[in-house]
C-alpha atoms as a PDB file:
ATOM      1  CA  MET A   1      90.979  61.423 135.213  1.00  0.00           C
ATOM      2  CA  THR A   2      92.426  61.749 131.716  1.00  0.00           C
ATOM      3  CA  PHE A   3      95.344  64.062 132.458  1.00  0.00           C
ATOM      4  CA  ASN A   4      97.402  63.239 135.531  1.00  0.00           C
ATOM      5  CA  GLU A   5      99.878  66.085 135.253  1.00  0.00           C
ATOM      6  CA  ARG A   6      99.177  69.812 135.142  1.00  0.00           C
ATOM      7  CA  ARG A   7     101.248  71.370 132.402  1.00  0.00           C
ATOM      8  CA  SER A   8     101.611  74.836 131.067  1.00  0.00           C
ATOM      9  CA  PRO A   9      99.803  76.640 129.571  1.00  0.00           C
ATOM     10  CA  GLN A  10      96.601  76.526 131.561  1.00  0.00           C
ATOM     11  CA  HIS A  11      93.698  78.898 130.976  1.00  0.00           C
ATOM     12  CA  PRO A  12      93.909  81.942 130.964  1.00  0.00           C
ATOM     13  CA  GLU A  13      97.649  81.724 130.162  1.00  0.00           C
ATOM     14  CA  LYS A  14      98.305  81.929 126.407  1.00  0.00           C
ATOM     15  CA  CYS A  15     100.121  79.292 124.361  1.00  0.00           C
ATOM     16  CA  THR A  16     103.670  80.014 123.311  1.00  0.00           C
ATOM     17  CA  LEU A  17     104.397  79.634 119.621  1.00  0.00           C
ATOM     18  CA  PRO A  18     107.567  77.967 118.327  1.00  0.00           C
ATOM     19  CA  THR A  19     110.455  80.356 117.967  1.00  0.00           C
ATOM     20  CA  ALA A  20     112.959  80.823 115.175  1.00  0.00           C
ATOM     21  CA  THR A  21     115.249  78.370 116.983  1.00  0.00           C
ATOM     22  CA  THR A  22     112.864  75.546 116.062  1.00  0.00           C
ATOM     23  CA  LYS A  23     113.259  76.379 112.396  1.00  0.00           C
ATOM     24  CA  ARG A  24     117.021  76.735 112.789  1.00  0.00           C
ATOM     25  CA  ARG A  25     117.264  73.384 114.562  1.00  0.00           C
ATOM     26  CA  LEU A  26     115.393  71.661 111.714  1.00  0.00           C
ATOM     27  CA  GLY A  27     117.608  73.412 109.152  1.00  0.00           C
ATOM     28  CA  GLU A  28     120.897  72.401 110.753  1.00  0.00           C
ATOM     29  CA  ASP A  29     121.325  69.335 108.558  1.00  0.00           C
ATOM     30  CA  ALA A  30     122.312  70.948 105.247  1.00  0.00           C
ATOM     31  CA  ALA A  31     122.138  67.669 103.307  1.00  0.00           C
ATOM     32  CA  LEU A  32     118.600  66.996 104.541  1.00  0.00           C
ATOM     33  CA  PHE A  33     117.540  70.549 103.704  1.00  0.00           C
ATOM     34  CA  GLN A  34     119.014  70.215 100.199  1.00  0.00           C
ATOM     35  CA  MET A  35     117.218  66.885  99.700  1.00  0.00           C
ATOM     36  CA  ALA A  36     113.985  68.557 100.812  1.00  0.00           C
ATOM     37  CA  GLY A  37     114.464  71.350  98.291  1.00  0.00           C
ATOM     38  CA  GLU A  38     115.022  68.832  95.502  1.00  0.00           C
ATOM     39  CA  ALA A  39     112.078  66.677  96.591  1.00  0.00           C
ATOM     40  CA  CYS A  40     109.773  69.708  96.664  1.00  0.00           C
ATOM     41  CA  ALA A  41     110.978  71.193  93.368  1.00  0.00           C
ATOM     42  CA  GLY A  42     107.814  70.055  91.573  1.00  0.00           C
ATOM     43  CA  VAL A  43     105.459  71.422  94.222  1.00  0.00           C
ATOM     44  CA  GLU A  44     103.503  74.599  93.456  1.00  0.00           C
ATOM     45  CA  GLU A  45     105.344  77.710  94.689  1.00  0.00           C
ATOM     46  CA  THR A  46     102.573  78.541  97.176  1.00  0.00           C
ATOM     47  CA  TRP A  47     103.131  75.240  99.010  1.00  0.00           C
ATOM     48  CA  ARG A  48     106.887  74.756  98.520  1.00  0.00           C
ATOM     49  CA  GLU A  49     107.993  76.264 101.846  1.00  0.00           C
ATOM     50  CA  PHE A  50     105.495  74.069 103.724  1.00  0.00           C
ATOM     51  CA  CYS A  51     106.645  71.057 101.722  1.00  0.00           C
ATOM     52  CA  ILE A  52     110.301  71.679 102.588  1.00  0.00           C
ATOM     53  CA  PHE A  53     109.452  72.072 106.271  1.00  0.00           C
ATOM     54  CA  ASP A  54     107.430  68.828 106.259  1.00  0.00           C
ATOM     55  CA  VAL A  55     110.163  66.883 104.440  1.00  0.00           C
ATOM     56  CA  VAL A  56     112.852  68.107 106.855  1.00  0.00           C
ATOM     57  CA  ALA A  57     110.649  67.372 109.880  1.00  0.00           C
ATOM     58  CA  ALA A  58     109.772  63.875 108.618  1.00  0.00           C
ATOM     59  CA  GLU A  59     113.306  63.292 107.308  1.00  0.00           C
ATOM     60  CA  THR A  60     111.919  61.655 104.166  1.00  0.00           C
ATOM     61  CA  GLY A  61     111.173  62.821 100.638  1.00  0.00           C
ATOM     62  CA  GLU A  62     108.014  60.695 100.535  1.00  0.00           C
ATOM     63  CA  VAL A  63     106.125  63.637 102.039  1.00  0.00           C
ATOM     64  CA  ALA A  64     106.823  65.681  98.887  1.00  0.00           C
ATOM     65  CA  LEU A  65     105.423  62.874  96.748  1.00  0.00           C
ATOM     66  CA  GLN A  66     102.231  62.886  98.809  1.00  0.00           C
ATOM     67  CA  ILE A  67     101.913  66.662  98.442  1.00  0.00           C
ATOM     68  CA  ARG A  68     102.420  66.498  94.663  1.00  0.00           C
ATOM     69  CA  THR A  69      99.874  63.674  94.384  1.00  0.00           C
ATOM     70  CA  SER A  70      97.387  65.732  96.397  1.00  0.00           C
ATOM     71  CA  GLU A  71      97.947  68.729  94.106  1.00  0.00           C
ATOM     72  CA  GLU A  72      97.391  66.563  91.028  1.00  0.00           C
ATOM     73  CA  MET A  73      94.172  65.205  92.481  1.00  0.00           C
ATOM     74  CA  GLN A  74      92.922  68.741  93.194  1.00  0.00           C
ATOM     75  CA  ILE A  75      93.815  69.882  89.678  1.00  0.00           C
ATOM     76  CA  GLY A  76      92.062  66.847  88.203  1.00  0.00           C
ATOM     77  CA  THR A  77      88.967  67.512  90.269  1.00  0.00           C
ATOM     78  CA  SER A  78      88.924  71.182  89.207  1.00  0.00           C
ATOM     79  CA  GLU A  79      89.282  70.260  85.524  1.00  0.00           C
ATOM     80  CA  GLU A  80      86.490  67.669  85.746  1.00  0.00           C
ATOM     81  CA  LYS A  81      84.209  70.193  87.461  1.00  0.00           C
ATOM     82  CA  SER A  82      84.960  72.840  84.834  1.00  0.00           C
ATOM     83  CA  THR A  83      84.283  70.381  81.990  1.00  0.00           C
ATOM     84  CA  SER A  84      80.959  69.278  83.483  1.00  0.00           C
ATOM     85  CA  GLU A  85      79.917  72.903  84.049  1.00  0.00           C
ATOM     86  CA  GLN A  86      80.685  73.707  80.416  1.00  0.00           C
ATOM     87  CA  LYS A  87      78.597  70.749  79.222  1.00  0.00           C
ATOM     88  CA  MET A  88      75.653  71.847  81.390  1.00  0.00           C
ATOM     89  CA  SER A  89      75.770  75.446  80.154  1.00  0.00           C
ATOM     90  CA  GLY A  90      76.387  74.478  76.501  1.00  0.00           C
END
């Protein structure tokens, strides 16, 4: 038997989503939240809120570096694809 303890929720009961208190609890450390904002300053606006949350949750700015690196890789891949498509159509 994989699970030895019955925990909630069990089907058909629905899962409960985190409440605003979770966010507040992560945001209690003002210095950490400020560091997260600075670490995520270079992240695209669309992803900045997620970046800040991840940095605060992980308590390290390295997460922001990983997100920025991922964005750069996606941009590079898009540019390479666009260039190759132009060569094929030209």
